[in-house]
Amino acid sequence: MFDIKGYIFDLDGVIVDTARFHFLAWRETARELGFELTERDNERLKGVSRMESLEIILRLAGIHLDEERKWAFTEKKNTRYLEWVDTLRPSDTLPGIADFLRSLKEAHRPVALASASKNARRVISLLEIASLFDAVIDGSMIEKTKPDPEIFIKAAQALGIRASECVVFEDAQNGIEAAKAAEMTAVGVGSPEHLGEADLVIPDFSPSHIYLLKQRGIVR
């Protein structure tokens, strides 16, 4: 049985699918470099910072850029990404997650968002769910990205709860590793094939899977 007092959520792939926006923006940026980014390549970019994502693309393409050009390309990518983000509406939240967040709020459970994206606050504002979070830790507030546990440790601190009493909801292996490194309970959202180290894996936040969380003592 888990002793959970705080709830921490990743953003992309858990609350909203902006991963497709990242992919589209990175693909256009990669094409400027003469490299065709595939969806398989894109899996390596999940949960890491903008600059680290570019570094991965450059390694895949066998390209070297100076620091000035790297920053220019990351800014281009972000501009493209934000153009897609600005199309988001509340109906774009993934099935069941908004209701789950509201139920935690109504039960007075401390809830944090922990996302490597520096645009996290903008996204949850567009989705009209910002008020459901007691704390937001985004990419501008950390020095190390997942699988380093820094972001989750800071989220727990912001909630005033011990890390061991928090559960993290994540869709990426890097995030699961970060949660475990922080000694938190890790719930994978997606396929067990890619999230095998999680304490529990659910495909989504449908009522039947929320019931499973309750059965396991993760939600009370």
Protein backbone atom coordinates (compact mmCIF):
# COMPACT_ATOMS: atom_id res chain seq x y z
CA MET A 1 0.00 0.00 0.00
CA PHE A 2 1.29 3.42 -0.92
CA ASP A 3 1.27 6.42 1.44
CA ILE A 4 0.61 9.18 -1.08
CA LYS A 5 0.09 12.79 -0.03
CA GLY A 6 1.20 14.75 -3.11
CA TYR A 7 0.50 14.36 -6.83
CA ILE A 8 2.94 15.44 -9.53
CA PHE A 9 2.12 15.45 -13.24
CA ASP A 10 4.25 15.69 -16.34
CA LEU A 11 2.63 17.76 -19.09
CA ASP A 12 3.26 16.37 -22.58
CA GLY A 13 1.65 12.98 -23.08
CA VAL A 14 -0.04 13.02 -19.67
CA ILE A 15 -2.24 16.12 -19.65
CA VAL A 16 -2.14 17.12 -23.30
CA ASP A 17 -0.57 15.77 -26.45
CA THR A 18 1.71 18.59 -27.48
CA ALA A 19 4.35 16.03 -28.36
CA ARG A 20 3.04 16.18 -31.92
CA PHE A 21 3.67 19.95 -31.90
CA HIS A 22 7.25 19.41 -30.74
CA PHE A 23 7.75 16.83 -33.48
CA LEU A 24 6.37 19.09 -36.21
CA ALA A 25 8.49 22.02 -35.02
CA TRP A 26 11.67 19.95 -34.69
CA ARG A 27 11.10 18.29 -38.06
CA GLU A 28 10.93 21.67 -39.79
CA THR A 29 14.04 22.82 -37.92
CA ALA A 30 15.90 19.61 -38.82
CA ARG A 31 14.97 20.07 -42.47
CA GLU A 32 16.69 23.46 -42.41
CA LEU A 33 19.79 21.52 -41.43
CA GLY A 34 19.29 19.06 -44.28
CA PHE A 35 18.22 16.24 -41.97
CA GLU A 36 14.92 14.35 -42.03
CA LEU A 37 13.78 13.70 -38.45
CA THR A 38 11.69 10.55 -38.11
CA GLU A 39 9.06 9.80 -35.47
CA ARG A 40 11.39 7.13 -34.13
CA ASP A 41 14.18 9.72 -33.77
CA ASN A 42 11.68 11.98 -32.02
CA GLU A 43 11.24 9.45 -29.18
CA ARG A 44 14.74 10.42 -28.04
CA LEU A 45 13.69 14.06 -27.64
CA LYS A 46 10.90 13.43 -25.12
CA GLY A 47 11.38 14.89 -21.66
CA VAL A 48 14.64 16.72 -22.39
CA SER A 49 15.40 20.40 -22.77
CA ARG A 50 15.28 22.37 -26.00
CA MET A 51 19.05 22.60 -26.31
CA GLU A 52 19.57 18.94 -25.47
CA SER A 53 17.00 18.04 -28.14
CA LEU A 54 18.94 20.03 -30.72
CA GLU A 55 22.18 18.37 -29.61
CA ILE A 56 20.58 14.96 -30.20
CA ILE A 57 19.45 16.01 -33.68
CA LEU A 58 22.92 17.33 -34.51
CA ARG A 59 24.50 14.04 -33.40
CA LEU A 60 22.02 12.06 -35.49
CA ALA A 61 22.74 14.27 -38.50
CA GLY A 62 26.50 14.39 -37.95
CA ILE A 63 26.43 18.20 -37.96
CA HIS A 64 28.46 20.65 -35.86
CA LEU A 65 27.23 24.16 -35.11
CA ASP A 66 28.71 26.94 -33.03
CA GLU A 67 26.84 28.10 -29.93
CA GLU A 68 25.33 31.15 -31.61
CA ARG A 69 23.76 29.10 -34.39
CA LYS A 70 22.53 26.51 -31.89
CA TRP A 71 20.63 29.17 -29.97
CA ALA A 72 19.23 30.57 -33.20
CA PHE A 73 17.87 27.15 -34.20
CA THR A 74 16.34 26.50 -30.77
CA GLU A 75 14.59 29.87 -30.94
CA LYS A 76 13.24 29.05 -34.41
CA LYS A 77 11.96 25.74 -33.11
CA ASN A 78 10.26 27.41 -30.16
CA THR A 79 8.56 29.98 -32.39
CA ARG A 80 7.17 27.22 -34.57
CA TYR A 81 6.08 25.22 -31.52
CA LEU A 82 4.26 28.20 -30.00
CA GLU A 83 2.34 28.77 -33.21
CA TRP A 84 0.93 25.28 -32.77
CA VAL A 85 0.45 25.70 -29.00
CA ASP A 86 -1.68 28.80 -29.53
CA THR A 87 -4.28 26.60 -31.24
CA LEU A 88 -4.89 24.65 -27.99
CA ARG A 89 -8.32 24.70 -26.39
CA PRO A 90 -9.71 23.09 -23.19
CA SER A 91 -11.11 20.24 -25.29
CA ASP A 92 -7.52 19.27 -26.16
CA THR A 93 -6.80 17.87 -22.69
CA LEU A 94 -6.36 14.11 -22.85
CA PRO A 95 -9.43 12.02 -21.92
CA GLY A 96 -10.24 11.96 -18.22
CA ILE A 97 -7.31 14.03 -16.96
CA ALA A 98 -9.20 17.29 -16.33
CA ASP A 99 -11.85 15.46 -14.29
CA PHE A 100 -9.12 13.64 -12.35
CA LEU A 101 -7.33 16.90 -11.56
CA ARG A 102 -10.60 18.48 -10.43
CA SER A 103 -11.32 15.51 -8.15
CA LEU A 104 -7.90 15.92 -6.51
CA LYS A 105 -8.56 19.65 -6.08
CA GLU A 106 -11.95 19.00 -4.51
CA ALA A 107 -10.35 16.48 -2.14
CA HIS A 108 -7.74 19.10 -1.19
CA ARG A 109 -4.86 16.98 -2.45
CA PRO A 110 -1.67 18.96 -3.22
CA VAL A 111 -0.99 18.87 -6.96
CA ALA A 112 2.07 20.04 -8.94
CA LEU A 113 3.00 20.24 -12.59
CA ALA A 114 6.59 19.28 -13.40
CA SER A 115 7.52 19.82 -17.03
CA ALA A 116 10.81 20.40 -18.81
CA SER A 117 8.92 22.75 -21.12
CA LYS A 118 9.51 26.45 -20.51
CA ASN A 119 6.07 27.01 -22.03
CA ALA A 120 4.22 24.87 -19.46
CA ARG A 121 2.37 27.77 -17.83
CA ARG A 122 1.21 29.04 -21.20
CA VAL A 123 -0.11 25.59 -22.12
CA ILE A 124 -2.12 25.02 -18.93
CA SER A 125 -3.50 28.55 -19.20
CA LEU A 126 -4.77 27.87 -22.72
CA LEU A 127 -6.28 24.60 -21.48
CA GLU A 128 -7.94 26.54 -18.63
CA ILE A 129 -6.63 24.19 -15.93
CA ALA A 130 -3.97 26.40 -14.31
CA SER A 131 -6.08 26.84 -11.18
CA LEU A 132 -5.98 23.07 -10.56
CA PHE A 133 -2.25 23.16 -9.72
CA ASP A 134 -0.81 24.28 -6.40
CA ALA A 135 2.70 24.53 -7.86
CA VAL A 136 4.30 24.62 -11.31
CA ILE A 137 7.93 23.69 -11.93
CA ASP A 138 8.99 24.28 -15.53
CA GLY A 139 12.17 24.17 -17.58
CA SER A 140 13.19 27.68 -16.57
CA MET A 141 13.48 26.59 -12.94
CA ILE A 142 15.85 23.63 -13.26
CA GLU A 143 19.45 23.04 -14.23
CA LYS A 144 19.25 19.31 -14.97
CA THR A 145 16.66 17.50 -17.04
CA LYS A 146 15.20 14.02 -16.63
CA PRO A 147 16.33 11.36 -15.83
CA ASP A 148 17.87 13.60 -13.16
CA PRO A 149 15.30 13.89 -10.34
CA GLU A 150 15.77 17.64 -9.79
CA ILE A 151 12.43 18.70 -11.27
CA PHE A 152 10.43 16.27 -9.14
CA ILE A 153 12.34 17.06 -5.97
CA LYS A 154 11.62 20.76 -6.52
CA ALA A 155 7.94 19.97 -7.11
CA ALA A 156 7.74 18.09 -3.81
CA GLN A 157 9.47 20.95 -2.04
CA ALA A 158 7.03 23.44 -3.57
CA LEU A 159 4.16 21.33 -2.22
CA GLY A 160 5.83 21.02 1.18
CA ILE A 161 5.71 17.22 1.03
CA ARG A 162 8.44 14.62 1.37
CA ALA A 163 9.50 13.10 -1.95
CA SER A 164 8.70 9.58 -0.71
CA GLU A 165 5.09 10.67 -0.17
CA CYS A 166 4.59 11.83 -3.77
CA VAL A 167 3.40 10.03 -6.87
CA VAL A 168 4.53 11.07 -10.34
CA PHE A 169 2.46 10.53 -13.50
CA GLU A 170 4.77 10.21 -16.51
CA ASP A 171 4.62 9.02 -20.11
CA ALA A 172 8.37 8.73 -20.79
CA GLN A 173 11.02 6.34 -19.52
CA ASN A 174 13.31 9.25 -18.62
CA GLY A 175 10.56 10.60 -16.38
CA ILE A 176 9.97 7.23 -14.72
CA GLU A 177 13.69 6.95 -14.00
CA ALA A 178 13.70 10.48 -12.56
CA ALA A 179 10.74 9.70 -10.30
CA LYS A 180 12.37 6.52 -9.01
CA ALA A 181 15.65 8.39 -8.45
CA ALA A 182 13.67 10.85 -6.31
CA GLU A 183 12.29 7.85 -4.35
CA MET A 184 8.76 8.65 -5.49
CA THR A 185 6.01 6.31 -6.62
CA ALA A 186 5.92 6.28 -10.42
CA VAL A 187 2.78 5.75 -12.48
CA GLY A 188 3.38 5.33 -16.18
CA VAL A 189 0.76 6.65 -18.58
CA GLY A 190 0.94 4.73 -21.81
CA SER A 191 2.29 1.34 -22.76
CA PRO A 192 3.92 -1.09 -20.27
CA GLU A 193 6.34 -1.95 -23.07
CA HIS A 194 8.01 1.47 -22.74
CA LEU A 195 7.36 2.13 -19.05
CA GLY A 196 8.35 -1.16 -17.46
CA GLU A 197 10.13 0.38 -14.46
CA ALA A 198 7.00 2.16 -13.25
CA ASP A 199 5.22 0.95 -10.13
CA LEU A 200 1.99 0.87 -12.12
CA VAL A 201 1.11 1.59 -15.74
CA ILE A 202 -2.28 2.86 -16.94
CA PRO A 203 -3.17 3.62 -20.56
CA ASP A 204 -5.25 6.70 -19.68
CA PHE A 205 -7.35 8.39 -17.00
CA SER A 206 -10.66 6.74 -17.78
CA PRO A 207 -12.89 5.89 -14.77
CA SER A 208 -11.84 2.24 -14.78
CA HIS A 209 -8.17 3.19 -14.53
CA ILE A 210 -8.84 5.78 -11.81
CA TYR A 211 -10.56 2.93 -9.94
CA LEU A 212 -7.38 0.90 -10.33
CA LEU A 213 -5.38 3.75 -8.80
CA LYS A 214 -7.79 3.73 -5.88
CA GLN A 215 -7.50 -0.02 -5.48
CA ARG A 216 -3.73 0.30 -5.28
CA GLY A 217 -3.98 3.06 -2.67
CA ILE A 218 -2.44 5.69 -4.92
CA VAL A 219 -5.63 7.73 -4.85
CA ARG A 220 -7.85 7.96 -1.79
